[in-house]
PDB file of N, CA and C in Angstrom:
ATOM      1  N   MET A   1      61.840  49.253  -8.122  1.00  0.00           N
ATOM      2  CA  MET A   1      60.933  51.310  -7.693  1.00  0.00           C
ATOM      3  C   MET A   1      61.858  51.502  -6.386  1.00  0.00           C
ATOM      4  N   LYS A   2      62.314  52.872  -6.690  1.00  0.00           N
ATOM      5  CA  LYS A   2      63.078  53.713  -5.770  1.00  0.00           C
ATOM      6  C   LYS A   2      62.381  53.908  -4.665  1.00  0.00           C
ATOM      7  N   SER A   3      62.522  53.828  -3.189  1.00  0.00           N
ATOM      8  CA  SER A   3      61.530  54.316  -2.826  1.00  0.00           C
ATOM      9  C   SER A   3      62.265  55.550  -2.166  1.00  0.00           C
ATOM     10  N   PRO A   4      60.447  56.392  -1.626  1.00  0.00           N
ATOM     11  CA  PRO A   4      60.468  57.854  -2.023  1.00  0.00           C
ATOM     12  C   PRO A   4      61.581  57.702  -0.824  1.00  0.00           C
ATOM     13  N   LEU A   5      61.513  57.194   0.618  1.00  0.00           N
ATOM     14  CA  LEU A   5      62.391  57.970   1.496  1.00  0.00           C
ATOM     15  C   LEU A   5      64.783  57.947   1.404  1.00  0.00           C
ATOM     16  N   CYS A   6      64.121  57.899  -0.381  1.00  0.00           N
ATOM     17  CA  CYS A   6      66.018  57.326  -0.569  1.00  0.00           C
ATOM     18  C   CYS A   6      67.182  58.270  -0.318  1.00  0.00           C
ATOM     19  N   GLY A   7      67.731  58.670   0.533  1.00  0.00           N
ATOM     20  CA  GLY A   7      68.439  59.468   0.261  1.00  0.00           C
ATOM     21  C   GLY A   7      67.936  61.382   1.566  1.00  0.00           C
ATOM     22  N   LYS A   8      66.509  61.026   2.096  1.00  0.00           N
ATOM     23  CA  LYS A   8      66.109  61.748   3.042  1.00  0.00           C
ATOM     24  C   LYS A   8      67.308  61.682   4.303  1.00  0.00           C
ATOM     25  N   THR A   9      66.971  62.600   5.042  1.00  0.00           N
ATOM     26  CA  THR A   9      67.008  63.081   5.792  1.00  0.00           C
ATOM     27  C   THR A   9      66.004  63.014   7.078  1.00  0.00           C
ATOM     28  N   PHE A  10      66.312  62.461   8.059  1.00  0.00           N
ATOM     29  CA  PHE A  10      65.193  62.286   9.301  1.00  0.00           C
ATOM     30  C   PHE A  10      65.593  62.888   9.940  1.00  0.00           C
ATOM     31  N   VAL A  11      65.303  63.427  11.424  1.00  0.00           N
ATOM     32  CA  VAL A  11      65.401  63.450  12.272  1.00  0.00           C
ATOM     33  C   VAL A  11      64.267  62.879  12.894  1.00  0.00           C
ATOM     34  N   LEU A  12      64.331  61.993  14.664  1.00  0.00           N
ATOM     35  CA  LEU A  12      62.734  61.741  14.962  1.00  0.00           C
ATOM     36  C   LEU A  12      62.928  62.547  16.330  1.00  0.00           C
ATOM     37  N   ASP A  13      61.539  62.855  16.631  1.00  0.00           N
ATOM     38  CA  ASP A  13      61.247  63.769  17.305  1.00  0.00           C
ATOM     39  C   ASP A  13      60.209  62.768  18.320  1.00  0.00           C
ATOM     40  N   ILE A  14      60.606  61.204  18.230  1.00  0.00           N
ATOM     41  CA  ILE A  14      59.271  60.670  19.250  1.00  0.00           C
ATOM     42  C   ILE A  14      59.581  59.665  19.796  1.00  0.00           C
ATOM     43  N   SER A  15      61.044  60.576  20.484  1.00  0.00           N
ATOM     44  CA  SER A  15      61.444  59.641  22.025  1.00  0.00           C
ATOM     45  C   SER A  15      60.657  59.345  23.311  1.00  0.00           C
ATOM     46  N   HIS A  16      59.420  60.151  23.353  1.00  0.00           N
ATOM     47  CA  HIS A  16      58.638  60.093  24.434  1.00  0.00           C
ATOM     48  C   HIS A  16      56.901  59.789  23.834  1.00  0.00           C
ATOM     49  N   ASN A  17      56.754  59.380  22.761  1.00  0.00           N
ATOM     50  CA  ASN A  17      55.882  59.199  22.648  1.00  0.00           C
ATOM     51  C   ASN A  17      55.356  57.252  21.253  1.00  0.00           C
ATOM     52  N   ILE A  18      56.972  56.920  21.585  1.00  0.00           N
ATOM     53  CA  ILE A  18      56.163  55.246  20.993  1.00  0.00           C
ATOM     54  C   ILE A  18      58.200  54.671  22.110  1.00  0.00           C
ATOM     55  N   ARG A  19      57.099  53.262  22.070  1.00  0.00           N
ATOM     56  CA  ARG A  19      58.170  52.401  22.158  1.00  0.00           C
ATOM     57  C   ARG A  19      58.895  52.205  21.676  1.00  0.00           C
ATOM     58  N   PHE A  20      60.616  51.550  22.636  1.00  0.00           N
ATOM     59  CA  PHE A  20      61.752  51.334  22.167  1.00  0.00           C
ATOM     60  C   PHE A  20      61.722  50.420  21.268  1.00  0.00           C
ATOM     61  N   LYS A  21      60.878  49.247  21.231  1.00  0.00           N
ATOM     62  CA  LYS A  21      60.619  48.222  20.189  1.00  0.00           C
ATOM     63  C   LYS A  21      60.478  48.455  18.566  1.00  0.00           C
ATOM     64  N   GLU A  22      59.330  49.671  18.741  1.00  0.00           N
ATOM     65  CA  GLU A  22      58.489  49.619  17.491  1.00  0.00           C
ATOM     66  C   GLU A  22      59.762  51.261  16.792  1.00  0.00           C
ATOM     67  N   LYS A  23      60.431  51.876  17.682  1.00  0.00           N
ATOM     68  CA  LYS A  23      61.138  52.661  17.320  1.00  0.00           C
ATOM     69  C   LYS A  23      62.543  52.111  16.406  1.00  0.00           C
ATOM     70  N   SER A  24      62.437  51.131  16.991  1.00  0.00           N
ATOM     71  CA  SER A  24      63.690  50.437  16.159  1.00  0.00           C
ATOM     72  C   SER A  24      63.259  50.026  15.089  1.00  0.00           C
ATOM     73  N   LEU A  25      62.462  49.433  15.470  1.00  0.00           N
ATOM     74  CA  LEU A  25      62.363  49.023  13.748  1.00  0.00           C
ATOM     75  C   LEU A  25      61.808  49.830  13.044  1.00  0.00           C
ATOM     76  N   LEU A  26      60.819  51.152  13.144  1.00  0.00           N
ATOM     77  CA  LEU A  26      60.999  52.247  11.968  1.00  0.00           C
ATOM     78  C   LEU A  26      62.528  52.654  11.845  1.00  0.00           C
ATOM     79  N   ILE A  27      63.432  53.100  12.939  1.00  0.00           N
ATOM     80  CA  ILE A  27      64.711  52.938  12.316  1.00  0.00           C
ATOM     81  C   ILE A  27      65.959  52.523  11.567  1.00  0.00           C
ATOM     82  N   LYS A  28      65.113  50.326  11.626  1.00  0.00           N
ATOM     83  CA  LYS A  28      65.872  49.701  10.946  1.00  0.00           C
ATOM     84  C   LYS A  28      65.126  50.156   9.758  1.00  0.00           C
ATOM     85  N   TYR A  29      63.637  50.159   9.492  1.00  0.00           N
ATOM     86  CA  TYR A  29      63.054  50.159   7.806  1.00  0.00           C
ATOM     87  C   TYR A  29      63.087  51.187   7.289  1.00  0.00           C
ATOM     88  N   LEU A  30      63.173  52.598   8.246  1.00  0.00           N
ATOM     89  CA  LEU A  30      64.073  53.799   6.969  1.00  0.00           C
ATOM     90  C   LEU A  30      65.327  53.794   7.029  1.00  0.00           C
ATOM     91  N   ARG A  31      66.847  53.302   8.054  1.00  0.00           N
ATOM     92  CA  ARG A  31      67.918  52.613   6.670  1.00  0.00           C
ATOM     93  C   ARG A  31      67.726  51.710   6.039  1.00  0.00           C
ATOM     94  N   GLU A  32      66.471  50.794   6.125  1.00  0.00           N
ATOM     95  CA  GLU A  32      66.767  49.817   4.817  1.00  0.00           C
ATOM     96  C   GLU A  32      66.201  50.755   3.364  1.00  0.00           C
ATOM     97  N   GLN A  33      65.921  51.412   3.577  1.00  0.00           N
ATOM     98  CA  GLN A  33      65.262  52.012   2.752  1.00  0.00           C
ATOM     99  C   GLN A  33      65.872  53.551   2.120  1.00  0.00           C
ATOM    100  N   ASN A  34      67.684  53.042   3.220  1.00  0.00           N
ATOM    101  CA  ASN A  34      68.753  54.215   2.907  1.00  0.00           C
ATOM    102  C   ASN A  34      68.064  55.942   3.654  1.00  0.00           C
ATOM    103  N   ALA A  35      67.606  55.728   4.241  1.00  0.00           N
ATOM    104  CA  ALA A  35      67.664  56.880   4.378  1.00  0.00           C
ATOM    105  C   ALA A  35      68.115  57.593   5.824  1.00  0.00           C
ATOM    106  N   ASN A  36      68.836  58.412   6.033  1.00  0.00           N
ATOM    107  CA  ASN A  36      69.669  59.034   6.234  1.00  0.00           C
ATOM    108  C   ASN A  36      68.913  59.365   8.138  1.00  0.00           C
ATOM    109  N   ILE A  37      69.338  58.508   9.439  1.00  0.00           N
ATOM    110  CA  ILE A  37      69.427  59.680  10.230  1.00  0.00           C
ATOM    111  C   ILE A  37      69.942  60.320  10.727  1.00  0.00           C
ATOM    112  N   SER A  38      69.277  61.239  11.481  1.00  0.00           N
ATOM    113  CA  SER A  38      70.109  62.122  12.293  1.00  0.00           C
ATOM    114  C   SER A  38      69.678  62.230  13.401  1.00  0.00           C
ATOM    115  N   HIS A  39      70.600  62.272  14.602  1.00  0.00           N
ATOM    116  CA  HIS A  39      69.315  63.040  15.813  1.00  0.00           C
ATOM    117  C   HIS A  39      69.526  64.909  16.537  1.00  0.00           C
ATOM    118  N   ILE A  40      70.804  64.753  15.417  1.00  0.00           N
ATOM    119  CA  ILE A  40      71.114  66.761  14.874  1.00  0.00           C
ATOM    120  C   ILE A  40      70.023  67.618  14.050  1.00  0.00           C
ATOM    121  N   LEU A  41      68.843  68.722  14.222  1.00  0.00           N
ATOM    122  CA  LEU A  41      68.706  69.742  13.015  1.00  0.00           C
ATOM    123  C   LEU A  41      68.792  70.304  12.868  1.00  0.00           C
ATOM    124  N   THR A  42      69.017  70.044  11.619  1.00  0.00           N
ATOM    125  CA  THR A  42      70.282  71.504  10.467  1.00  0.00           C
ATOM    126  C   THR A  42      69.193  71.439   9.897  1.00  0.00           C
ATOM    127  N   ALA A  43      69.514  72.711   8.379  1.00  0.00           N
ATOM    128  CA  ALA A  43      69.279  73.009   7.123  1.00  0.00           C
ATOM    129  C   ALA A  43      69.161  71.769   6.473  1.00  0.00           C
ATOM    130  N   SER A  44      70.354  70.808   6.661  1.00  0.00           N
ATOM    131  CA  SER A  44      70.049  70.460   5.295  1.00  0.00           C
ATOM    132  C   SER A  44      69.274  68.935   5.748  1.00  0.00           C
ATOM    133  N   THR A  45      68.553  68.792   6.280  1.00  0.00           N
ATOM    134  CA  THR A  45      66.695  68.196   7.438  1.00  0.00           C
ATOM    135  C   THR A  45      66.093  67.697   6.399  1.00  0.00           C
ATOM    136  N   ASP A  46      65.574  66.770   6.027  1.00  0.00           N
ATOM    137  CA  ASP A  46      64.092  67.211   4.864  1.00  0.00           C
ATOM    138  C   ASP A  46      63.186  67.202   6.253  1.00  0.00           C
ATOM    139  N   TYR A  47      62.925  66.204   6.459  1.00  0.00           N
ATOM    140  CA  TYR A  47      61.639  65.945   7.935  1.00  0.00           C
ATOM    141  C   TYR A  47      62.806  66.030   9.158  1.00  0.00           C
ATOM    142  N   VAL A  48      61.055  66.143  10.385  1.00  0.00           N
ATOM    143  CA  VAL A  48      61.260  65.509  11.289  1.00  0.00           C
ATOM    144  C   VAL A  48      60.025  64.887  11.364  1.00  0.00           C
ATOM    145  N   LEU A  49      60.242  63.649  11.931  1.00  0.00           N
ATOM    146  CA  LEU A  49      59.066  62.558  12.124  1.00  0.00           C
ATOM    147  C   LEU A  49      58.562  62.989  13.707  1.00  0.00           C
ATOM    148  N   VAL A  50      57.399  62.824  13.765  1.00  0.00           N
ATOM    149  CA  VAL A  50      57.147  62.974  15.464  1.00  0.00           C
ATOM    150  C   VAL A  50      55.245  61.817  15.290  1.00  0.00           C
ATOM    151  N   LYS A  51      54.798  61.566  16.241  1.00  0.00           N
ATOM    152  CA  LYS A  51      53.826  60.947  16.786  1.00  0.00           C
ATOM    153  C   LYS A  51      52.894  61.780  16.646  1.00  0.00           C
ATOM    154  N   ASP A  52      52.921  63.057  17.127  1.00  0.00           N
ATOM    155  CA  ASP A  52      51.423  63.940  17.717  1.00  0.00           C
ATOM    156  C   ASP A  52      51.963  65.547  17.086  1.00  0.00           C
ATOM    157  N   ASP A  53      51.260  66.420  16.824  1.00  0.00           N
ATOM    158  CA  ASP A  53      51.363  68.458  16.755  1.00  0.00           C
ATOM    159  C   ASP A  53      51.880  67.966  17.877  1.00  0.00           C
ATOM    160  N   VAL A  54      53.066  68.074  18.869  1.00  0.00           N
ATOM    161  CA  VAL A  54      54.256  68.183  19.796  1.00  0.00           C
ATOM    162  C   VAL A  54      54.550  69.870  19.707  1.00  0.00           C
ATOM    163  N   ASP A  55      55.588  69.898  21.171  1.00  0.00           N
ATOM    164  CA  ASP A  55      55.773  71.199  20.862  1.00  0.00           C
ATOM    165  C   ASP A  55      56.625  71.118  21.508  1.00  0.00           C
ATOM    166  N   THR A  56      57.858  71.584  20.855  1.00  0.00           N
ATOM    167  CA  THR A  56      58.638  70.436  21.624  1.00  0.00           C
ATOM    168  C   THR A  56      59.819  71.816  20.934  1.00  0.00           C
ATOM    169  N   TYR A  57      61.717  71.299  21.486  1.00  0.00           N
ATOM    170  CA  TYR A  57      62.829  72.596  21.554  1.00  0.00           C
ATOM    171  C   TYR A  57      62.411  72.613  19.026  1.00  0.00           C
ATOM    172  N   LYS A  58      62.759  70.971  18.432  1.00  0.00           N
ATOM    173  CA  LYS A  58      63.138  70.369  17.824  1.00  0.00           C
ATOM    174  C   LYS A  58      61.978  70.886  16.531  1.00  0.00           C
ATOM    175  N   THR A  59      60.919  70.415  17.343  1.00  0.00           N
ATOM    176  CA  THR A  59      59.748  71.111  15.999  1.00  0.00           C
ATOM    177  C   THR A  59      59.076  72.625  16.126  1.00  0.00           C
ATOM    178  N   ARG A  60      60.234  73.326  17.198  1.00  0.00           N
ATOM    179  CA  ARG A  60      59.760  75.125  17.136  1.00  0.00           C
ATOM    180  C   ARG A  60      60.765  75.541  16.252  1.00  0.00           C
ATOM    181  N   ARG A  61      62.277  74.943  16.808  1.00  0.00           N
ATOM    182  CA  ARG A  61      63.161  74.668  15.114  1.00  0.00           C
ATOM    183  C   ARG A  61      62.917  74.251  14.119  1.00  0.00           C
ATOM    184  N   ALA A  62      62.516  73.218  13.710  1.00  0.00           N
ATOM    185  CA  ALA A  62      61.734  72.442  12.060  1.00  0.00           C
ATOM    186  C   ALA A  62      61.568  73.680  11.788  1.00  0.00           C
ATOM    187  N   LYS A  63      60.474  74.460  12.973  1.00  0.00           N
ATOM    188  CA  LYS A  63      59.299  75.605  12.308  1.00  0.00           C
ATOM    189  C   LYS A  63      60.239  76.489  11.828  1.00  0.00           C
ATOM    190  N   GLN A  64      61.385  77.143  12.387  1.00  0.00           N
ATOM    191  CA  GLN A  64      61.637  78.097  12.213  1.00  0.00           C
ATOM    192  C   GLN A  64      62.678  78.294  10.486  1.00  0.00           C
ATOM    193  N   LEU A  65      63.102  76.624  10.570  1.00  0.00           N
ATOM    194  CA  LEU A  65      64.301  76.440   9.127  1.00  0.00           C
ATOM    195  C   LEU A  65      62.953  75.593   7.883  1.00  0.00           C
ATOM    196  N   GLY A  66      62.310  76.141   8.467  1.00  0.00           N
ATOM    197  CA  GLY A  66      61.295  75.217   6.814  1.00  0.00           C
ATOM    198  C   GLY A  66      61.341  74.105   6.816  1.00  0.00           C
ATOM    199  N   ILE A  67      61.537  73.272   7.699  1.00  0.00           N
ATOM    200  CA  ILE A  67      61.857  72.040   7.687  1.00  0.00           C
ATOM    201  C   ILE A  67      60.520  71.190   8.390  1.00  0.00           C
ATOM    202  N   THR A  68      59.722  70.224   6.745  1.00  0.00           N
ATOM    203  CA  THR A  68      58.515  69.872   7.184  1.00  0.00           C
ATOM    204  C   THR A  68      58.485  68.360   8.725  1.00  0.00           C
ATOM    205  N   LEU A  69      57.690  68.875   9.117  1.00  0.00           N
ATOM    206  CA  LEU A  69      56.898  68.359  10.063  1.00  0.00           C
ATOM    207  C   LEU A  69      56.223  67.140   9.881  1.00  0.00           C
ATOM    208  N   LEU A  70      56.910  65.703   9.798  1.00  0.00           N
ATOM    209  CA  LEU A  70      56.150  64.880   9.369  1.00  0.00           C
ATOM    210  C   LEU A  70      55.364  63.654  10.146  1.00  0.00           C
ATOM    211  N   ASN A  71      53.789  62.926  10.178  1.00  0.00           N
ATOM    212  CA  ASN A  71      54.351  62.516  11.242  1.00  0.00           C
ATOM    213  C   ASN A  71      54.745  60.821  10.817  1.00  0.00           C
ATOM    214  N   VAL A  72      54.381  60.037  11.928  1.00  0.00           N
ATOM    215  CA  VAL A  72      55.421  58.532  11.909  1.00  0.00           C
ATOM    216  C   VAL A  72      54.776  58.229  10.844  1.00  0.00           C
ATOM    217  N   GLU A  73      53.185  58.026  10.769  1.00  0.00           N
ATOM    218  CA  GLU A  73      52.532  57.422  10.718  1.00  0.00           C
ATOM    219  C   GLU A  73      52.677  57.257   8.576  1.00  0.00           C
ATOM    220  N   TYR A  74      53.370  58.367   8.501  1.00  0.00           N
ATOM    221  CA  TYR A  74      53.477  58.040   6.742  1.00  0.00           C
ATOM    222  C   TYR A  74      54.721  57.264   6.647  1.00  0.00           C
ATOM    223  N   ILE A  75      55.453  57.085   7.227  1.00  0.00           N
ATOM    224  CA  ILE A  75      56.528  56.270   7.211  1.00  0.00           C
ATOM    225  C   ILE A  75      55.454  54.477   7.307  1.00  0.00           C
ATOM    226  N   TYR A  76      55.133  54.233   8.880  1.00  0.00           N
ATOM    227  CA  TYR A  76      54.066  52.999   8.187  1.00  0.00           C
ATOM    228  C   TYR A  76      53.501  53.146   6.873  1.00  0.00           C
ATOM    229  N   GLU A  77      52.788  54.383   6.571  1.00  0.00           N
ATOM    230  CA  GLU A  77      52.130  53.486   5.929  1.00  0.00           C
ATOM    231  C   GLU A  77      52.726  53.442   4.052  1.00  0.00           C
ATOM    232  N   CYS A  78      54.026  53.440   4.389  1.00  0.00           N
ATOM    233  CA  CYS A  78      55.027  53.436   3.085  1.00  0.00           C
ATOM    234  C   CYS A  78      55.327  52.083   3.318  1.00  0.00           C
ATOM    235  N   GLN A  79      55.313  51.482   4.187  1.00  0.00           N
ATOM    236  CA  GLN A  79      56.108  50.220   5.039  1.00  0.00           C
ATOM    237  C   GLN A  79      54.565  48.941   3.939  1.00  0.00           C
ATOM    238  N   ARG A  80      53.179  50.286   4.034  1.00  0.00           N
ATOM    239  CA  ARG A  80      51.733  48.715   3.934  1.00  0.00           C
ATOM    240  C   ARG A  80      51.700  49.017   2.434  1.00  0.00           C
ATOM    241  N   ASN A  81      53.402  49.839   1.380  1.00  0.00           N
ATOM    242  CA  ASN A  81      52.624  50.336   0.369  1.00  0.00           C
ATOM    243  C   ASN A  81      53.258  50.208  -0.855  1.00  0.00           C
ATOM    244  N   LEU A  82      54.466  49.142  -0.420  1.00  0.00           N
ATOM    245  CA  LEU A  82      55.570  48.714  -1.065  1.00  0.00           C
ATOM    246  C   LEU A  82      55.743  48.991  -2.441  1.00  0.00           C
ATOM    247  N   ASP A  83      54.104  49.208  -3.780  1.00  0.00           N
ATOM    248  CA  ASP A  83      55.157  48.405  -4.663  1.00  0.00           C
ATOM    249  C   ASP A  83      54.494  50.411  -5.600  1.00  0.00           C
ATOM    250  N   LYS A  84      54.233  51.194  -3.915  1.00  0.00           N
ATOM    251  CA  LYS A  84      53.179  52.625  -4.755  1.00  0.00           C
ATOM    252  C   LYS A  84      53.966  53.235  -4.135  1.00  0.00           C
ATOM    253  N   ILE A  85      54.013  54.630  -4.195  1.00  0.00           N
ATOM    254  CA  ILE A  85      54.582  56.127  -3.933  1.00  0.00           C
ATOM    255  C   ILE A  85      53.679  56.485  -2.945  1.00  0.00           C
ATOM    256  N   VAL A  86      54.077  56.731  -1.618  1.00  0.00           N
ATOM    257  CA  VAL A  86      52.644  57.738  -1.314  1.00  0.00           C
ATOM    258  C   VAL A  86      53.217  58.682  -0.801  1.00  0.00           C
ATOM    259  N   ASN A  87      52.202  59.634  -1.016  1.00  0.00           N
ATOM    260  CA  ASN A  87      52.324  61.029  -1.482  1.00  0.00           C
ATOM    261  C   ASN A  87      52.213  61.792   0.526  1.00  0.00           C
ATOM    262  N   PRO A  88      53.341  61.989   0.931  1.00  0.00           N
ATOM    263  CA  PRO A  88      53.697  62.502   1.998  1.00  0.00           C
ATOM    264  C   PRO A  88      52.687  63.406   2.564  1.00  0.00           C
ATOM    265  N   ASP A  89      51.968  64.434   2.043  1.00  0.00           N
ATOM    266  CA  ASP A  89      51.227  65.245   2.285  1.00  0.00           C
ATOM    267  C   ASP A  89      50.386  65.492   2.952  1.00  0.00           C
ATOM    268  N   PRO A  90      49.553  64.365   2.859  1.00  0.00           N
ATOM    269  CA  PRO A  90      48.298  64.354   4.373  1.00  0.00           C
ATOM    270  C   PRO A  90      48.808  63.658   5.480  1.00  0.00           C
ATOM    271  N   TYR A  91      49.906  63.266   5.688  1.00  0.00           N
ATOM    272  CA  TYR A  91      50.616  63.619   7.260  1.00  0.00           C
ATOM    273  C   TYR A  91      51.806  64.183   7.021  1.00  0.00           C
ATOM    274  N   VAL A  92      51.552  65.646   6.517  1.00  0.00           N
ATOM    275  CA  VAL A  92      52.222  67.141   7.371  1.00  0.00           C
ATOM    276  C   VAL A  92      51.644  67.334   8.384  1.00  0.00           C
ATOM    277  N   ILE A  93      52.465  67.769   9.450  1.00  0.00           N
ATOM    278  CA  ILE A  93      51.889  68.465  11.048  1.00  0.00           C
ATOM    279  C   ILE A  93      51.682  69.831  10.363  1.00  0.00           C
ATOM    280  N   THR A  94      50.447  70.203  10.649  1.00  0.00           N
ATOM    281  CA  THR A  94      50.455  71.510  10.694  1.00  0.00           C
ATOM    282  C   THR A  94      50.170  72.447  11.594  1.00  0.00           C
ATOM    283  N   SER A  95      50.175  72.890  12.591  1.00  0.00           N
ATOM    284  CA  SER A  95      49.813  73.733  13.882  1.00  0.00           C
ATOM    285  C   SER A  95      48.648  74.489  13.551  1.00  0.00           C
ATOM    286  N   ALA A  96      47.645  74.965  14.512  1.00  0.00           N
ATOM    287  CA  ALA A  96      46.492  75.858  14.434  1.00  0.00           C
ATOM    288  C   ALA A  96      47.159  76.788  13.712  1.00  0.00           C
ATOM    289  N   GLU A  97      48.325  77.224  14.446  1.00  0.00           N
ATOM    290  CA  GLU A  97      48.577  78.586  14.098  1.00  0.00           C
ATOM    291  C   GLU A  97      48.509  79.254  12.669  1.00  0.00           C
ATOM    292  N   ASP A  98      48.957  78.189  11.925  1.00  0.00           N
ATOM    293  CA  ASP A  98      49.736  78.233  10.869  1.00  0.00           C
ATOM    294  C   ASP A  98      49.108  78.078   9.554  1.00  0.00           C
ATOM    295  N   LYS A  99      47.901  77.418   9.985  1.00  0.00           N
ATOM    296  CA  LYS A  99      46.603  77.297   8.939  1.00  0.00           C
ATOM    297  C   LYS A  99      45.453  78.568   9.911  1.00  0.00           C
ATOM    298  N   GLU A 100      45.892  79.222  10.425  1.00  0.00           N
ATOM    299  CA  GLU A 100      44.709  80.783  10.544  1.00  0.00           C
ATOM    300  C   GLU A 100      45.785  81.089   9.693  1.00  0.00           C
ATOM    301  N   HIS A 101      46.875  82.107   9.495  1.00  0.00           N
ATOM    302  CA  HIS A 101      48.234  82.388   8.905  1.00  0.00           C
ATOM    303  C   HIS A 101      46.844  82.214   7.803  1.00  0.00           C
ATOM    304  N   PHE A 102      48.185  81.305   7.373  1.00  0.00           N
ATOM    305  CA  PHE A 102      47.747  80.663   5.418  1.00  0.00           C
ATOM    306  C   PHE A 102      46.202  80.557   5.354  1.00  0.00           C
ATOM    307  N   LYS A 103      45.146  81.226   5.969  1.00  0.00           N
ATOM    308  CA  LYS A 103      43.776  80.678   6.109  1.00  0.00           C
ATOM    309  C   LYS A 103      44.009  82.921   5.866  1.00  0.00           C
ATOM    310  N   SER A 104      44.122  83.610   6.689  1.00  0.00           N
ATOM    311  CA  SER A 104      43.995  85.168   6.340  1.00  0.00           C
ATOM    312  C   SER A 104      45.484  85.715   5.545  1.00  0.00           C
ATOM    313  N   GLY A 105      46.203  84.760   5.285  1.00  0.00           N
ATOM    314  CA  GLY A 105      46.657  85.374   4.015  1.00  0.00           C
ATOM    315  C   GLY A 105      47.971  86.023   4.530  1.00  0.00           C
ATOM    316  N   LEU A 106      47.959  85.744   5.830  1.00  0.00           N
ATOM    317  CA  LEU A 106      49.363  85.966   5.887  1.00  0.00           C
ATOM    318  C   LEU A 106      50.732  85.346   6.255  1.00  0.00           C
ATOM    319  N   ILE A 107      51.522  85.659   6.141  1.00  0.00           N
ATOM    320  CA  ILE A 107      53.264  85.223   6.466  1.00  0.00           C
ATOM    321  C   ILE A 107      54.097  85.776   7.577  1.00  0.00           C
ATOM    322  N   PRO A 108      54.359  84.951   8.785  1.00  0.00           N
ATOM    323  CA  PRO A 108      54.753  85.962   9.219  1.00  0.00           C
ATOM    324  C   PRO A 108      56.481  86.072  10.119  1.00  0.00           C
ATOM    325  N   ALA A 109      56.497  86.681   9.794  1.00  0.00           N
ATOM    326  CA  ALA A 109      58.398  87.056   9.057  1.00  0.00           C
ATOM    327  C   ALA A 109      59.090  86.589  10.617  1.00  0.00           C
ATOM    328  N   GLU A 110      59.691  86.231  10.080  1.00  0.00           N
ATOM    329  CA  GLU A 110      60.194  85.149  11.290  1.00  0.00           C
ATOM    330  C   GLU A 110      62.092  85.809  11.965  1.00  0.00           C
ATOM    331  N   SER A 111      62.674  86.441  11.215  1.00  0.00           N
ATOM    332  CA  SER A 111      63.184  87.599  12.943  1.00  0.00           C
ATOM    333  C   SER A 111      63.285  88.192  12.545  1.00  0.00           C
ATOM    334  N   GLU A 112      64.089  89.233  13.993  1.00  0.00           N
ATOM    335  CA  GLU A 112      63.178  90.262  14.293  1.00  0.00           C
ATOM    336  C   GLU A 112      64.397  91.474  13.473  1.00  0.00           C
ATOM    337  N   PHE A 113      64.581  90.830  12.329  1.00  0.00           N
ATOM    338  CA  PHE A 113      65.427  91.709  11.733  1.00  0.00           C
ATOM    339  C   PHE A 113      64.404  91.983  10.633  1.00  0.00           C
ATOM    340  N   HIS A 114      63.951  91.485  10.005  1.00  0.00           N
ATOM    341  CA  HIS A 114      61.982  91.494   9.321  1.00  0.00           C
ATOM    342  C   HIS A 114      61.197  92.432  10.337  1.00  0.00           C
ATOM    343  N   LYS A 115      61.293  91.922  10.764  1.00  0.00           N
ATOM    344  CA  LYS A 115      59.571  92.955  11.757  1.00  0.00           C
ATOM    345  C   LYS A 115      59.987  93.678  11.820  1.00  0.00           C
ATOM    346  N   LYS A 116      61.366  94.815  12.408  1.00  0.00           N
ATOM    347  CA  LYS A 116      61.667  95.437  11.850  1.00  0.00           C
ATOM    348  C   LYS A 116      61.336  96.529  10.942  1.00  0.00           C
ATOM    349  N   TYR A 117      62.008  95.339  10.598  1.00  0.00           N
ATOM    350  CA  TYR A 117      62.141  96.216   8.830  1.00  0.00           C
ATOM    351  C   TYR A 117      61.079  96.317   8.463  1.00  0.00           C
ATOM    352  N   ILE A 118      60.025  95.146   8.652  1.00  0.00           N
ATOM    353  CA  ILE A 118      57.866  95.402   8.420  1.00  0.00           C
ATOM    354  C   ILE A 118      57.670  96.005   9.583  1.00  0.00           C
ATOM    355  N   PHE A 119      57.939  96.419   9.822  1.00  0.00           N
ATOM    356  CA  PHE A 119      57.500  97.686  11.539  1.00  0.00           C
ATOM    357  C   PHE A 119      57.661  99.035  10.373  1.00  0.00           C
ATOM    358  N   HIS A 120      59.097  99.440  10.261  1.00  0.00           N
ATOM    359  CA  HIS A 120      59.758 101.143   9.883  1.00  0.00           C
ATOM    360  C   HIS A 120      58.932 101.209   8.214  1.00  0.00           C
ATOM    361  N   MET A 121      58.909  99.670   6.948  1.00  0.00           N
ATOM    362  CA  MET A 121      58.130  99.752   6.040  1.00  0.00           C
ATOM    363  C   MET A 121      56.711 100.112   6.369  1.00  0.00           C
ATOM    364  N   SER A 122      56.057  99.458   7.005  1.00  0.00           N
ATOM    365  CA  SER A 122      54.303 100.108   7.753  1.00  0.00           C
ATOM    366  C   SER A 122      54.538 101.776   7.776  1.00  0.00           C
ATOM    367  N   PHE A 123      55.417 101.980   8.810  1.00  0.00           N
ATOM    368  CA  PHE A 123      54.779 103.057   9.534  1.00  0.00           C
ATOM    369  C   PHE A 123      55.327 104.066   8.342  1.00  0.00           C
ATOM    370  N   VAL A 124      56.722 103.943   7.018  1.00  0.00           N
ATOM    371  CA  VAL A 124      57.145 104.704   6.263  1.00  0.00           C
ATOM    372  C   VAL A 124      55.806 104.449   5.292  1.00  0.00           C
ATOM    373  N   THR A 125      55.401 104.075   4.928  1.00  0.00           N
ATOM    374  CA  THR A 125      54.470 104.433   3.850  1.00  0.00           C
ATOM    375  C   THR A 125      52.747 104.711   4.718  1.00  0.00           C
ATOM    376  N   LYS A 126      52.873 105.130   5.614  1.00  0.00           N
ATOM    377  CA  LYS A 126      51.884 105.410   6.598  1.00  0.00           C
ATOM    378  C   LYS A 126      51.593 106.458   6.211  1.00  0.00           C
ATOM    379  N   GLN A 127      53.566 107.842   6.625  1.00  0.00           N
ATOM    380  CA  GLN A 127      53.239 108.800   6.951  1.00  0.00           C
ATOM    381  C   GLN A 127      53.026 110.175   5.237  1.00  0.00           C
TER     382      GLN A 127
END
């Protein structure tokens, strides 16, 4: 059975939250599963692995690029369940702000251009 991690690109944002040996074992396992590990966050990154819901440059940038933040526990669960595919959804990290936007149906505009466009369109439609 092909690993669900195979071919995926991960950026690790866990350096302060995880011990060196644990991080080394994590990287080793990802490489054994033919996953790619990058130190640079790009649009081709599939997941950013984090230990907790942290507010770092990488996590903020990942949100801007629409890259999924994934709790490192997902990788550990994959290790424990080698004979089946583990659903990553329960391990996706969302902020309280994201949950509130989802609940209210709001989709925040990402760029200044979109913010200005939305403001302009709301002004035009009110007249």
